[in-house]
Amino acid sequence: NYGNIPWYLSENGMGVQNEEQFIGVDGIVEDDYRIEFIRDHLIWLNKAIVEGCNCFGYHLWAPFDCWSWKNAYKNRYGMIRVDRKEHCPRDSTIERTIAGLR
């Protein structure tokens, strides 16, 4: 028992391997899987807060793509897609993700 100490949820998100397979004809990643993952976590977090949990913040894993050496840099974790060849953000998935979470 930790006495309901204040806390926040940090680095919540999901990495997706071969995310290119989900890029639509408009160049935007169709990230319904990410929307569902985040929505489900927020629903359960809200339930916990309503029941008295002392959570004061929620942080997504990363705004821009980042890669983990643990999975050989295969998974993308961000909400904004980064073109690794050009080293800059390209078509972003953030608009789709944010719209899906409303």
C-alpha atoms as a PDB file:
ATOM      1  CA  ASN A   1       0.000   0.000   0.000  1.00  0.00           C
ATOM      2  CA  TYR A   2       1.504   3.311  -1.084  1.00  0.00           C
ATOM      3  CA  GLY A   3      -1.164   5.525   0.486  1.00  0.00           C
ATOM      4  CA  ASN A   4      -2.542   6.788  -2.830  1.00  0.00           C
ATOM      5  CA  ILE A   5       0.501   8.958  -3.508  1.00  0.00           C
ATOM      6  CA  PRO A   6       0.333  11.482  -6.371  1.00  0.00           C
ATOM      7  CA  TRP A   7       1.629   9.940  -9.594  1.00  0.00           C
ATOM      8  CA  TYR A   8       1.473  10.263 -13.352  1.00  0.00           C
ATOM      9  CA  LEU A   9       1.459   7.792 -16.179  1.00  0.00           C
ATOM     10  CA  SER A  10       4.600   8.262 -18.229  1.00  0.00           C
ATOM     11  CA  GLU A  11       5.727   6.918 -21.573  1.00  0.00           C
ATOM     12  CA  ASN A  12       2.474   5.239 -22.551  1.00  0.00           C
ATOM     13  CA  GLY A  13       2.334   4.252 -26.186  1.00  0.00           C
ATOM     14  CA  MET A  14       2.972   1.462 -28.610  1.00  0.00           C
ATOM     15  CA  GLY A  15       5.626   0.615 -31.129  1.00  0.00           C
ATOM     16  CA  VAL A  16       4.594  -0.764 -34.512  1.00  0.00           C
ATOM     17  CA  GLN A  17       6.872  -2.755 -36.773  1.00  0.00           C
ATOM     18  CA  ASN A  18       6.527  -2.285 -40.535  1.00  0.00           C
ATOM     19  CA  GLU A  19       4.120   0.610 -40.078  1.00  0.00           C
ATOM     20  CA  GLU A  20       4.518   1.410 -43.774  1.00  0.00           C
ATOM     21  CA  GLN A  21       1.878  -1.230 -44.503  1.00  0.00           C
ATOM     22  CA  PHE A  22      -0.715   1.054 -42.891  1.00  0.00           C
ATOM     23  CA  ILE A  23       0.024   4.144 -45.007  1.00  0.00           C
ATOM     24  CA  GLY A  24      -3.075   5.151 -46.958  1.00  0.00           C
ATOM     25  CA  VAL A  25      -3.246   6.584 -50.463  1.00  0.00           C
ATOM     26  CA  ASP A  26      -3.149  10.075 -48.930  1.00  0.00           C
ATOM     27  CA  GLY A  27       0.232   9.324 -47.302  1.00  0.00           C
ATOM     28  CA  ILE A  28      -1.196   9.327 -43.777  1.00  0.00           C
ATOM     29  CA  VAL A  29      -0.704   6.339 -41.505  1.00  0.00           C
ATOM     30  CA  GLU A  30      -4.104   4.756 -40.821  1.00  0.00           C
ATOM     31  CA  ASP A  31      -3.313   4.274 -37.142  1.00  0.00           C
ATOM     32  CA  ASP A  32      -6.601   2.937 -35.823  1.00  0.00           C
ATOM     33  CA  TYR A  33      -4.565   0.447 -33.769  1.00  0.00           C
ATOM     34  CA  ARG A  34      -2.835   3.359 -31.973  1.00  0.00           C
ATOM     35  CA  ILE A  35      -6.088   5.247 -31.481  1.00  0.00           C
ATOM     36  CA  GLU A  36      -7.702   2.178 -29.901  1.00  0.00           C
ATOM     37  CA  PHE A  37      -4.659   1.526 -27.686  1.00  0.00           C
ATOM     38  CA  ILE A  38      -4.565   5.100 -26.349  1.00  0.00           C
ATOM     39  CA  ARG A  39      -8.339   5.367 -25.991  1.00  0.00           C
ATOM     40  CA  ASP A  40      -8.505   2.128 -23.991  1.00  0.00           C
ATOM     41  CA  HIS A  41      -5.753   3.321 -21.654  1.00  0.00           C
ATOM     42  CA  LEU A  42      -7.453   6.679 -21.134  1.00  0.00           C
ATOM     43  CA  ILE A  43     -10.787   4.999 -20.392  1.00  0.00           C
ATOM     44  CA  TRP A  44      -9.205   2.850 -17.661  1.00  0.00           C
ATOM     45  CA  LEU A  45      -7.201   5.776 -16.307  1.00  0.00           C
ATOM     46  CA  ASN A  46     -10.380   7.862 -16.095  1.00  0.00           C
ATOM     47  CA  LYS A  47     -12.129   5.016 -14.261  1.00  0.00           C
ATOM     48  CA  ALA A  48      -9.272   4.882 -11.744  1.00  0.00           C
ATOM     49  CA  ILE A  49      -9.340   8.669 -11.204  1.00  0.00           C
ATOM     50  CA  VAL A  50     -13.128   8.645 -10.718  1.00  0.00           C
ATOM     51  CA  GLU A  51     -12.640   5.916  -8.108  1.00  0.00           C
ATOM     52  CA  GLY A  52     -10.138   8.092  -6.227  1.00  0.00           C
ATOM     53  CA  CYS A  53      -6.778   7.365  -7.821  1.00  0.00           C
ATOM     54  CA  ASN A  54      -4.376  10.284  -7.351  1.00  0.00           C
ATOM     55  CA  CYS A  55      -3.076  10.419 -10.936  1.00  0.00           C
ATOM     56  CA  PHE A  56      -2.264  13.972 -12.017  1.00  0.00           C
ATOM     57  CA  GLY A  57      -0.892  13.464 -15.511  1.00  0.00           C
ATOM     58  CA  TYR A  58      -0.677  11.314 -18.608  1.00  0.00           C
ATOM     59  CA  HIS A  59       2.222  11.419 -21.060  1.00  0.00           C
ATOM     60  CA  LEU A  60       2.376   9.699 -24.417  1.00  0.00           C
ATOM     61  CA  TRP A  61       5.594   7.937 -25.258  1.00  0.00           C
ATOM     62  CA  ALA A  62       6.896  10.342 -27.873  1.00  0.00           C
ATOM     63  CA  PRO A  63       5.510  13.072 -30.114  1.00  0.00           C
ATOM     64  CA  PHE A  64       7.934  12.206 -32.929  1.00  0.00           C
ATOM     65  CA  ASP A  65       9.032   8.753 -34.008  1.00  0.00           C
ATOM     66  CA  CYS A  66      11.793   7.290 -31.932  1.00  0.00           C
ATOM     67  CA  TRP A  67      13.333   3.852 -32.191  1.00  0.00           C
ATOM     68  CA  SER A  68      14.472   1.354 -29.617  1.00  0.00           C
ATOM     69  CA  TRP A  69      17.705  -0.572 -29.915  1.00  0.00           C
ATOM     70  CA  LYS A  70      15.886  -3.458 -28.178  1.00  0.00           C
ATOM     71  CA  ASN A  71      13.890  -4.224 -31.312  1.00  0.00           C
ATOM     72  CA  ALA A  72      16.639  -3.421 -33.822  1.00  0.00           C
ATOM     73  CA  TYR A  73      15.107  -0.018 -34.633  1.00  0.00           C
ATOM     74  CA  LYS A  74      12.138  -1.701 -36.347  1.00  0.00           C
ATOM     75  CA  ASN A  75       9.228  -0.220 -34.367  1.00  0.00           C
ATOM     76  CA  ARG A  76       7.965   3.347 -34.634  1.00  0.00           C
ATOM     77  CA  TYR A  77       6.685   4.859 -31.396  1.00  0.00           C
ATOM     78  CA  GLY A  78       5.712   8.443 -32.211  1.00  0.00           C
ATOM     79  CA  MET A  79       2.510  10.121 -33.251  1.00  0.00           C
ATOM     80  CA  ILE A  80       4.304  12.171 -35.911  1.00  0.00           C
ATOM     81  CA  ARG A  81       6.019  10.087 -38.568  1.00  0.00           C
ATOM     82  CA  VAL A  82       9.671  10.886 -39.255  1.00  0.00           C
ATOM     83  CA  ASP A  83      11.226  10.159 -42.637  1.00  0.00           C
ATOM     84  CA  ARG A  84      14.460   8.414 -41.674  1.00  0.00           C
ATOM     85  CA  LYS A  85      16.040   9.058 -45.065  1.00  0.00           C
ATOM     86  CA  GLU A  86      15.385  12.806 -44.990  1.00  0.00           C
ATOM     87  CA  HIS A  87      15.760  13.127 -41.180  1.00  0.00           C
ATOM     88  CA  CYS A  88      12.700  15.291 -40.819  1.00  0.00           C
ATOM     89  CA  PRO A  89       8.982  14.956 -40.121  1.00  0.00           C
ATOM     90  CA  ARG A  90       6.846  14.106 -43.124  1.00  0.00           C
ATOM     91  CA  ASP A  91       3.168  13.405 -43.352  1.00  0.00           C
ATOM     92  CA  SER A  92       2.094  13.221 -39.771  1.00  0.00           C
ATOM     93  CA  THR A  93      -0.135  10.674 -38.109  1.00  0.00           C
ATOM     94  CA  ILE A  94      -0.988  13.131 -35.356  1.00  0.00           C
ATOM     95  CA  GLU A  95      -4.037  14.568 -37.108  1.00  0.00           C
ATOM     96  CA  ARG A  96      -5.564  11.135 -37.529  1.00  0.00           C
ATOM     97  CA  THR A  97      -4.689  10.065 -34.001  1.00  0.00           C
ATOM     98  CA  ILE A  98      -6.009  13.220 -32.350  1.00  0.00           C
ATOM     99  CA  ALA A  99      -9.208  13.165 -34.431  1.00  0.00           C
ATOM    100  CA  GLY A 100      -9.725   9.506 -33.534  1.00  0.00           C
ATOM    101  CA  LEU A 101      -9.434  10.228 -29.823  1.00  0.00           C
ATOM    102  CA  ARG A 102     -12.120  12.903 -29.751  1.00  0.00           C
END
